[in-house]
N, C-alpha and C. Protein backbone atom coordinates (compact mmCIF):
# COMPACT_ATOMS: atom_id res chain seq x y z
N VAL A 1 0.85 -1.19 0.01
CA VAL A 1 -0.05 0.07 0.03
C VAL A 1 0.85 1.16 -0.04
N VAL A 2 0.72 2.11 -0.99
CA VAL A 2 1.51 3.32 -1.09
C VAL A 2 0.72 4.43 -0.32
N VAL A 3 1.26 5.07 0.60
CA VAL A 3 0.73 6.17 1.40
C VAL A 3 1.39 7.36 1.25
N ALA A 4 0.72 8.60 0.90
CA ALA A 4 1.31 9.79 0.75
C ALA A 4 1.19 10.53 2.20
N ILE A 5 2.37 11.13 2.38
CA ILE A 5 2.61 11.77 3.67
C ILE A 5 3.40 13.16 3.36
N MET A 6 3.15 14.19 4.00
CA MET A 6 3.92 15.43 4.13
C MET A 6 4.48 15.73 5.58
N PRO A 7 5.55 15.30 5.77
CA PRO A 7 6.12 15.41 7.12
C PRO A 7 6.48 16.73 7.62
N ASN A 8 5.63 17.70 7.57
CA ASN A 8 5.97 19.01 8.22
C ASN A 8 5.05 19.54 9.15
N SER A 9 4.29 18.68 9.95
CA SER A 9 3.29 19.08 10.90
C SER A 9 3.47 18.38 12.09
N PRO A 10 4.54 18.62 12.93
CA PRO A 10 4.55 17.89 14.33
C PRO A 10 3.33 18.28 15.16
N PRO A 11 2.82 17.31 15.83
CA PRO A 11 3.24 15.99 16.06
C PRO A 11 2.59 14.97 15.10
N MET A 12 1.91 15.43 14.22
CA MET A 12 1.08 14.58 13.36
C MET A 12 2.09 13.78 12.31
N ASP A 13 2.78 14.54 11.52
CA ASP A 13 3.66 14.15 10.41
C ASP A 13 5.04 14.99 10.58
N PHE A 14 6.22 14.29 10.71
CA PHE A 14 7.36 15.02 10.76
C PHE A 14 8.43 14.13 10.63
N LYS A 15 9.82 14.55 10.38
CA LYS A 15 10.90 13.86 10.44
C LYS A 15 11.59 14.07 11.72
N ASP A 16 12.00 12.94 12.28
CA ASP A 16 12.88 13.08 13.59
C ASP A 16 14.17 13.81 13.21
N PRO A 17 14.49 14.90 13.85
CA PRO A 17 15.55 15.76 13.64
C PRO A 17 16.85 15.00 13.80
N ALA A 18 16.91 14.06 14.70
CA ALA A 18 18.09 13.33 15.04
C ALA A 18 18.46 12.27 13.92
N THR A 19 17.48 11.67 13.42
CA THR A 19 17.65 10.58 12.46
C THR A 19 17.04 10.77 11.11
N ASN A 20 16.45 11.92 10.89
CA ASN A 20 15.78 12.20 9.55
C ASN A 20 14.91 11.08 9.09
N THR A 21 14.23 10.48 10.02
CA THR A 21 13.24 9.32 9.61
C THR A 21 11.86 9.89 9.89
N LEU A 22 10.97 9.38 9.09
CA LEU A 22 9.43 9.61 9.29
C LEU A 22 8.99 9.20 10.65
N THR A 23 8.20 10.09 11.34
CA THR A 23 7.44 9.76 12.67
C THR A 23 6.23 10.63 12.75
N GLY A 24 5.55 10.32 13.78
CA GLY A 24 4.46 11.20 14.06
C GLY A 24 3.32 10.28 14.14
N LEU A 25 2.05 10.99 14.61
CA LEU A 25 1.00 10.23 14.78
C LEU A 25 0.28 9.51 13.56
N ASP A 26 0.25 10.26 12.48
CA ASP A 26 -0.17 9.52 11.24
C ASP A 26 0.67 8.43 10.91
N TYR A 27 2.01 8.58 10.87
CA TYR A 27 2.90 7.49 10.60
C TYR A 27 2.80 6.36 11.47
N ASP A 28 2.70 6.54 12.73
CA ASP A 28 2.53 5.40 13.67
C ASP A 28 1.14 4.72 13.41
N LEU A 29 0.15 5.47 13.22
CA LEU A 29 -1.22 4.95 13.00
C LEU A 29 -1.22 4.11 11.74
N GLY A 30 -0.68 4.66 10.63
CA GLY A 30 -0.47 3.94 9.36
C GLY A 30 0.27 2.54 9.52
N ASN A 31 1.35 2.56 10.24
CA ASN A 31 2.06 1.39 10.49
C ASN A 31 1.32 0.33 11.29
N ALA A 32 0.60 0.87 12.30
CA ALA A 32 -0.17 -0.15 13.09
C ALA A 32 -1.24 -0.74 12.34
N LEU A 33 -2.02 0.12 11.42
CA LEU A 33 -3.06 -0.36 10.54
C LEU A 33 -2.54 -1.43 9.49
N ALA A 34 -1.31 -1.10 8.99
CA ALA A 34 -0.81 -2.14 8.16
C ALA A 34 -0.37 -3.40 8.67
N GLU A 35 0.17 -3.37 9.94
CA GLU A 35 0.61 -4.55 10.68
C GLU A 35 -0.71 -5.40 11.07
N ARG A 36 -1.85 -4.73 11.48
CA ARG A 36 -3.00 -5.32 11.81
C ARG A 36 -3.73 -6.06 10.58
N LEU A 37 -3.47 -5.33 9.31
CA LEU A 37 -4.06 -5.86 8.07
C LEU A 37 -3.18 -6.82 7.42
N GLY A 38 -1.98 -7.00 7.92
CA GLY A 38 -0.99 -7.83 7.15
C GLY A 38 -0.46 -7.41 5.94
N VAL A 39 -0.36 -5.95 5.69
CA VAL A 39 0.18 -5.58 4.45
C VAL A 39 1.38 -4.67 4.77
N LYS A 40 2.16 -4.40 3.68
CA LYS A 40 3.34 -3.46 3.89
C LYS A 40 3.05 -2.05 3.34
N ILE A 41 3.47 -1.12 3.95
CA ILE A 41 3.32 0.26 3.67
C ILE A 41 4.53 0.92 2.97
N LYS A 42 4.45 1.55 1.83
CA LYS A 42 5.63 2.29 1.39
C LYS A 42 5.00 3.78 1.51
N TRP A 43 5.84 4.46 2.27
CA TRP A 43 5.60 5.88 2.54
C TRP A 43 6.03 6.71 1.36
N GLN A 44 5.41 7.60 0.90
CA GLN A 44 5.83 8.45 -0.20
C GLN A 44 5.60 9.91 0.26
N GLU A 45 6.66 10.65 0.39
CA GLU A 45 6.54 12.02 0.70
C GLU A 45 5.93 12.65 -0.51
N THR A 46 4.81 13.56 -0.27
CA THR A 46 4.18 14.09 -1.38
C THR A 46 3.86 15.60 -0.94
N GLY A 47 4.05 16.59 -1.90
CA GLY A 47 3.62 17.75 -1.72
C GLY A 47 2.06 17.95 -1.39
N PHE A 48 1.63 18.77 -0.49
CA PHE A 48 0.16 18.82 -0.25
C PHE A 48 -0.68 19.10 -1.49
N GLU A 49 -0.14 19.98 -2.28
CA GLU A 49 -1.08 20.35 -3.48
C GLU A 49 -1.12 19.11 -4.46
N GLN A 50 -0.20 18.04 -4.51
CA GLN A 50 -0.38 16.90 -5.27
C GLN A 50 -0.97 15.69 -4.74
N MET A 51 -1.55 15.75 -3.45
CA MET A 51 -1.98 14.68 -2.70
C MET A 51 -3.29 14.09 -3.51
N ILE A 52 -4.19 14.96 -3.72
CA ILE A 52 -5.47 14.42 -4.41
C ILE A 52 -5.09 13.87 -5.72
N ASN A 53 -4.40 14.63 -6.62
CA ASN A 53 -4.11 14.15 -7.97
C ASN A 53 -3.34 13.00 -7.71
N ALA A 54 -2.38 12.70 -6.79
CA ALA A 54 -1.76 11.40 -6.74
C ALA A 54 -2.81 10.30 -6.43
N LEU A 55 -3.80 10.63 -5.61
CA LEU A 55 -4.79 9.58 -5.35
C LEU A 55 -5.67 9.23 -6.64
N THR A 56 -6.02 10.27 -7.29
CA THR A 56 -7.05 9.94 -8.32
C THR A 56 -6.34 9.41 -9.62
N THR A 57 -5.07 9.54 -9.62
CA THR A 57 -4.22 8.83 -10.73
C THR A 57 -3.40 7.59 -10.33
N ASP A 58 -3.83 7.09 -9.04
CA ASP A 58 -3.46 5.95 -8.71
C ASP A 58 -1.90 5.83 -8.34
N ARG A 59 -1.26 6.95 -8.30
CA ARG A 59 0.13 6.86 -7.82
C ARG A 59 0.39 6.51 -6.41
N VAL A 60 -0.72 6.92 -5.59
CA VAL A 60 -0.74 6.51 -4.13
C VAL A 60 -2.06 5.80 -3.88
N ASP A 61 -2.14 4.98 -2.89
CA ASP A 61 -3.42 4.32 -2.45
C ASP A 61 -4.19 5.07 -1.59
N MET A 62 -3.53 5.80 -0.71
CA MET A 62 -4.27 6.68 0.48
C MET A 62 -3.26 7.80 0.83
N VAL A 63 -3.85 8.76 1.59
CA VAL A 63 -3.09 9.84 2.05
C VAL A 63 -3.37 9.90 3.75
N MET A 64 -2.15 9.93 4.24
CA MET A 64 -2.26 10.00 5.80
C MET A 64 -1.57 11.29 6.14
N SER A 65 -2.19 12.28 6.00
CA SER A 65 -1.53 13.61 6.23
C SER A 65 -2.60 14.73 6.38
N GLY A 66 -2.52 15.53 7.42
CA GLY A 66 -3.65 16.45 7.59
C GLY A 66 -4.32 17.10 6.48
N MET A 67 -5.50 16.77 6.15
CA MET A 67 -6.20 17.26 5.17
C MET A 67 -7.66 17.49 5.55
N THR A 68 -8.26 18.65 5.46
CA THR A 68 -9.62 18.93 5.89
C THR A 68 -10.61 18.32 4.87
N ASP A 69 -11.58 17.60 5.47
CA ASP A 69 -12.63 16.96 4.60
C ASP A 69 -13.55 18.09 4.22
N THR A 70 -13.47 18.51 2.88
CA THR A 70 -14.50 19.44 2.40
C THR A 70 -15.37 18.83 1.31
N ALA A 71 -16.44 19.45 1.00
CA ALA A 71 -17.50 18.98 0.00
C ALA A 71 -16.65 18.96 -1.35
N GLU A 72 -15.89 20.08 -1.63
CA GLU A 72 -15.08 20.12 -2.91
C GLU A 72 -14.25 18.92 -3.01
N ARG A 73 -13.51 18.57 -2.02
CA ARG A 73 -12.59 17.38 -2.12
C ARG A 73 -13.45 16.17 -2.06
N GLN A 74 -14.60 15.98 -1.52
CA GLN A 74 -15.33 14.82 -1.54
C GLN A 74 -15.73 14.53 -2.89
N ALA A 75 -15.90 15.36 -3.77
CA ALA A 75 -16.28 15.20 -5.17
C ALA A 75 -15.33 14.42 -5.94
N SER A 76 -13.98 14.18 -5.35
CA SER A 76 -13.03 13.30 -6.14
C SER A 76 -12.47 12.29 -5.23
N VAL A 77 -12.49 12.37 -3.87
CA VAL A 77 -11.90 11.36 -3.01
C VAL A 77 -12.74 11.08 -1.75
N THR A 78 -12.54 9.95 -1.18
CA THR A 78 -13.28 9.63 -0.06
C THR A 78 -12.50 9.78 1.18
N PHE A 79 -13.16 10.32 2.32
CA PHE A 79 -12.48 10.56 3.51
C PHE A 79 -12.85 9.53 4.62
N VAL A 80 -11.86 9.36 5.43
CA VAL A 80 -12.17 8.71 6.77
C VAL A 80 -11.77 9.65 7.76
N ASP A 81 -12.65 10.18 8.54
CA ASP A 81 -12.31 11.23 9.46
C ASP A 81 -12.00 10.62 10.86
N TYR A 82 -10.76 10.54 11.10
CA TYR A 82 -10.29 9.87 12.38
C TYR A 82 -9.92 11.09 13.45
N PHE A 83 -10.03 12.20 13.09
CA PHE A 83 -9.93 13.33 14.07
C PHE A 83 -10.94 14.34 13.88
N THR A 84 -11.48 14.87 14.89
CA THR A 84 -12.58 15.81 14.71
C THR A 84 -12.19 17.21 15.34
N SER A 85 -11.03 17.42 15.86
CA SER A 85 -10.78 18.71 16.61
C SER A 85 -10.67 19.80 15.61
N GLY A 86 -10.29 19.61 14.39
CA GLY A 86 -10.21 20.64 13.40
C GLY A 86 -8.97 21.49 13.53
N PRO A 87 -9.03 22.51 12.82
CA PRO A 87 -7.86 23.47 12.82
C PRO A 87 -7.79 24.15 14.11
N GLN A 88 -6.53 24.49 14.59
CA GLN A 88 -6.37 25.18 15.94
C GLN A 88 -5.34 26.41 15.72
N PHE A 89 -5.66 27.49 16.38
CA PHE A 89 -4.76 28.68 16.44
C PHE A 89 -3.68 28.36 17.50
N TYR A 90 -2.60 28.81 17.20
CA TYR A 90 -1.48 28.78 18.27
C TYR A 90 -0.56 29.90 18.18
N THR A 91 0.14 30.17 19.29
CA THR A 91 1.03 31.19 19.28
C THR A 91 2.19 30.81 20.20
N LEU A 92 3.26 31.66 20.49
CA LEU A 92 4.43 31.32 21.23
C LEU A 92 3.83 31.45 22.80
N GLN A 93 4.42 30.55 23.66
CA GLN A 93 4.03 30.57 25.00
C GLN A 93 4.34 31.92 25.75
N LYS A 94 5.41 32.48 25.27
CA LYS A 94 5.79 33.83 25.93
C LYS A 94 4.86 35.03 25.35
N ASN A 95 4.04 34.67 24.43
CA ASN A 95 3.19 35.76 24.02
C ASN A 95 1.84 35.74 24.81
N LYS A 96 1.74 36.66 25.85
CA LYS A 96 0.61 36.86 26.73
C LYS A 96 -0.57 37.57 26.30
N ASP A 97 -0.58 38.11 25.06
CA ASP A 97 -1.50 39.00 24.43
C ASP A 97 -2.80 38.19 23.98
N PHE A 98 -2.75 36.87 23.92
CA PHE A 98 -3.78 36.15 23.38
C PHE A 98 -4.26 35.22 24.39
N ASN A 99 -5.43 35.57 24.96
CA ASN A 99 -6.20 34.77 25.80
C ASN A 99 -7.43 34.04 25.24
N GLU A 100 -7.98 34.73 24.23
CA GLU A 100 -9.10 34.15 23.63
C GLU A 100 -9.00 34.36 22.11
N ILE A 101 -9.63 33.72 21.34
CA ILE A 101 -9.59 33.77 19.86
C ILE A 101 -9.83 35.25 19.37
N ILE A 102 -10.82 35.97 19.88
CA ILE A 102 -11.04 37.16 19.48
C ILE A 102 -9.92 38.12 19.61
N ASP A 103 -8.94 37.73 20.44
CA ASP A 103 -7.68 38.61 20.53
C ASP A 103 -6.81 38.68 19.32
N LEU A 104 -7.18 37.67 18.37
CA LEU A 104 -6.45 37.65 17.15
C LEU A 104 -6.92 38.77 16.29
N CYS A 105 -8.04 39.42 16.40
CA CYS A 105 -8.50 40.44 15.53
C CYS A 105 -7.42 41.48 15.42
N GLY A 106 -7.23 42.03 14.13
CA GLY A 106 -6.14 43.03 13.89
C GLY A 106 -4.71 42.43 13.87
N LYS A 107 -4.55 41.13 14.12
CA LYS A 107 -3.18 40.57 14.07
C LYS A 107 -2.89 39.90 12.87
N LYS A 108 -1.63 39.54 12.71
CA LYS A 108 -1.07 38.71 11.60
C LYS A 108 -1.06 37.15 11.90
N VAL A 109 -1.90 36.43 11.24
CA VAL A 109 -2.00 35.01 11.47
C VAL A 109 -1.53 34.36 10.34
N GLY A 110 -0.57 33.42 10.36
CA GLY A 110 -0.04 32.51 9.34
C GLY A 110 -0.64 31.24 9.23
N THR A 111 -0.82 30.81 7.94
CA THR A 111 -1.21 29.36 7.66
C THR A 111 -0.93 28.95 6.33
N SER A 112 -0.90 27.79 6.08
CA SER A 112 -0.52 27.23 4.68
C SER A 112 -1.51 27.75 3.65
N ARG A 113 -0.86 28.43 2.59
CA ARG A 113 -1.72 28.90 1.58
C ARG A 113 -2.30 27.87 0.61
N ARG A 114 -1.80 26.55 0.79
CA ARG A 114 -2.38 25.41 -0.07
C ARG A 114 -3.46 24.61 0.58
N THR A 115 -4.05 25.28 1.75
CA THR A 115 -5.23 24.57 2.44
C THR A 115 -6.29 25.49 2.37
N THR A 116 -7.52 25.03 3.01
CA THR A 116 -8.61 25.89 3.03
C THR A 116 -8.58 26.91 4.18
N PHE A 117 -7.48 26.85 4.94
CA PHE A 117 -7.46 27.70 6.25
C PHE A 117 -7.49 28.99 5.97
N PRO A 118 -6.70 29.64 5.01
CA PRO A 118 -6.89 31.13 4.76
C PRO A 118 -8.28 31.64 4.63
N ALA A 119 -9.04 30.90 3.76
CA ALA A 119 -10.42 31.40 3.52
C ALA A 119 -11.27 31.17 4.78
N GLU A 120 -10.99 29.99 5.59
CA GLU A 120 -11.65 29.87 6.78
C GLU A 120 -11.51 30.93 7.82
N ILE A 121 -10.09 31.30 7.99
CA ILE A 121 -9.72 32.41 8.86
C ILE A 121 -10.42 33.73 8.46
N ALA A 122 -10.37 34.19 7.18
CA ALA A 122 -11.01 35.35 6.61
C ALA A 122 -12.49 35.29 6.90
N GLU A 123 -13.16 34.16 6.87
CA GLU A 123 -14.69 33.99 7.10
C GLU A 123 -14.91 34.36 8.56
N TRP A 124 -14.00 33.62 9.45
CA TRP A 124 -14.18 33.79 10.80
C TRP A 124 -14.04 35.23 11.15
N SER A 125 -12.99 35.86 10.64
CA SER A 125 -12.75 37.23 11.08
C SER A 125 -13.73 38.11 10.58
N LYS A 126 -14.30 37.95 9.48
CA LYS A 126 -15.56 38.76 8.88
C LYS A 126 -16.65 38.70 9.99
N ALA A 127 -16.95 37.40 10.38
CA ALA A 127 -18.12 37.22 11.20
C ALA A 127 -17.90 37.53 12.66
N ASN A 128 -16.65 37.62 13.22
CA ASN A 128 -16.41 37.74 14.58
C ASN A 128 -15.64 39.09 14.80
N CYS A 129 -14.68 39.36 14.05
CA CYS A 129 -13.94 40.60 14.23
C CYS A 129 -14.58 41.87 13.65
N GLU A 130 -14.67 41.74 12.23
CA GLU A 130 -15.27 42.93 11.60
C GLU A 130 -16.75 43.20 12.10
N ALA A 131 -17.50 42.14 12.33
CA ALA A 131 -18.99 42.28 12.66
C ALA A 131 -19.06 42.97 14.02
N ALA A 132 -17.92 42.88 14.90
CA ALA A 132 -17.97 43.47 16.11
C ALA A 132 -17.22 44.90 16.18
N GLY A 133 -16.96 45.24 14.99
CA GLY A 133 -16.27 46.66 14.88
C GLY A 133 -14.81 46.58 15.14
N LYS A 134 -14.20 45.42 15.00
CA LYS A 134 -12.76 45.23 15.39
C LYS A 134 -12.07 45.04 13.98
N PRO A 135 -10.77 45.27 13.87
CA PRO A 135 -9.98 45.09 12.75
C PRO A 135 -9.87 43.62 12.34
N ALA A 136 -9.90 43.34 10.97
CA ALA A 136 -9.86 42.03 10.51
C ALA A 136 -8.59 41.49 10.85
N ILE A 137 -8.57 40.07 10.82
CA ILE A 137 -7.24 39.38 10.96
C ILE A 137 -6.60 39.45 9.71
N ASN A 138 -5.33 39.68 9.72
CA ASN A 138 -4.38 39.76 8.45
C ASN A 138 -3.86 38.39 8.18
N VAL A 139 -4.57 37.70 7.34
CA VAL A 139 -3.87 36.36 6.95
C VAL A 139 -2.83 36.34 6.10
N ILE A 140 -1.83 35.65 6.66
CA ILE A 140 -0.48 35.57 5.94
C ILE A 140 -0.29 34.25 5.47
N GLY A 141 -0.25 33.91 4.06
CA GLY A 141 -0.07 32.77 3.36
C GLY A 141 1.47 32.13 3.66
N THR A 142 1.43 30.95 4.04
CA THR A 142 2.87 30.38 4.41
C THR A 142 3.04 29.31 3.49
N GLU A 143 4.40 28.69 3.40
CA GLU A 143 4.57 27.52 2.57
C GLU A 143 4.26 26.26 3.26
N GLY A 144 3.65 26.31 4.42
CA GLY A 144 3.26 25.16 5.39
C GLY A 144 3.52 25.47 6.65
N SER A 145 3.33 24.26 7.54
CA SER A 145 3.36 24.36 8.84
C SER A 145 4.82 24.75 9.34
N ALA A 146 5.76 24.23 8.78
CA ALA A 146 7.14 24.61 9.29
C ALA A 146 7.46 26.05 9.01
N ASP A 147 7.10 26.50 7.87
CA ASP A 147 7.26 28.01 7.51
C ASP A 147 6.58 28.85 8.48
N ALA A 148 5.31 28.45 8.85
CA ALA A 148 4.46 29.27 9.80
C ALA A 148 5.22 29.23 11.09
N ARG A 149 5.76 28.26 11.57
CA ARG A 149 6.38 28.24 12.95
C ARG A 149 7.63 29.01 12.87
N ALA A 150 8.30 28.96 11.69
CA ALA A 150 9.51 29.85 11.48
C ALA A 150 9.14 31.34 11.72
N GLN A 151 8.19 31.58 10.96
CA GLN A 151 7.73 33.13 10.91
C GLN A 151 7.38 33.50 12.35
N LEU A 152 6.56 32.70 13.02
CA LEU A 152 6.19 32.94 14.35
C LEU A 152 7.34 33.09 15.21
N ARG A 153 8.38 32.29 15.28
CA ARG A 153 9.61 32.52 16.04
C ARG A 153 10.38 33.82 15.68
N GLN A 154 10.31 34.21 14.43
CA GLN A 154 10.92 35.49 13.93
C GLN A 154 10.16 36.70 14.00
N SER A 155 8.84 36.51 14.70
CA SER A 155 8.00 37.61 14.87
C SER A 155 7.47 38.29 13.63
N ARG A 156 7.39 37.56 12.60
CA ARG A 156 6.84 38.00 11.33
C ARG A 156 5.28 37.89 11.40
N ILE A 157 4.85 36.93 12.25
CA ILE A 157 3.41 36.84 12.46
C ILE A 157 3.12 36.68 13.95
N ASP A 158 1.79 36.87 14.44
CA ASP A 158 1.47 36.92 15.78
C ASP A 158 1.05 35.56 16.22
N ALA A 159 0.48 34.77 15.30
CA ALA A 159 -0.09 33.50 15.69
C ALA A 159 -0.22 32.67 14.42
N ALA A 160 -0.55 31.48 14.51
CA ALA A 160 -0.58 30.59 13.23
C ALA A 160 -1.79 29.60 13.44
N MET A 161 -2.24 29.02 12.32
CA MET A 161 -3.27 27.92 12.39
C MET A 161 -2.69 26.73 11.64
N GLN A 162 -3.08 25.56 12.42
CA GLN A 162 -2.76 24.32 11.75
C GLN A 162 -3.83 23.35 12.04
N GLY A 163 -4.04 22.43 11.17
CA GLY A 163 -5.18 21.47 11.24
C GLY A 163 -4.76 20.16 11.66
């Protein structure tokens, strides 16, 4: 079974910095499922924007990497939703300015531009920030989770979203 994974979202999917080997919850879950089913997994690192195409053209058999289940995506692939928490905002522990999500109004929030998150943040901002007379969240598109974390550490953004 060939499984697509994009190892840039710890603790879900990432490479162990000490060994440069795949690890994370999705990786461990996939290996446990394969063992239980008596099949072998070949992990294939795949760019997020190529995952659905890889599935629909039979280059991979499945994807185990954070992807939001949307109606648009359901038109071409089937989802097994094994997590229901959804995307989460986060910031640095030292940043004491954010106690509630509404505190993100008027701030720079980074998230992968290849996901549905930029549109979701903008929609939430319109309904919750702008509707309350507060400034909109400034959505900053990033190259992925690792880039968002780097920008957060470098103070280029105030918070980030990851699914």
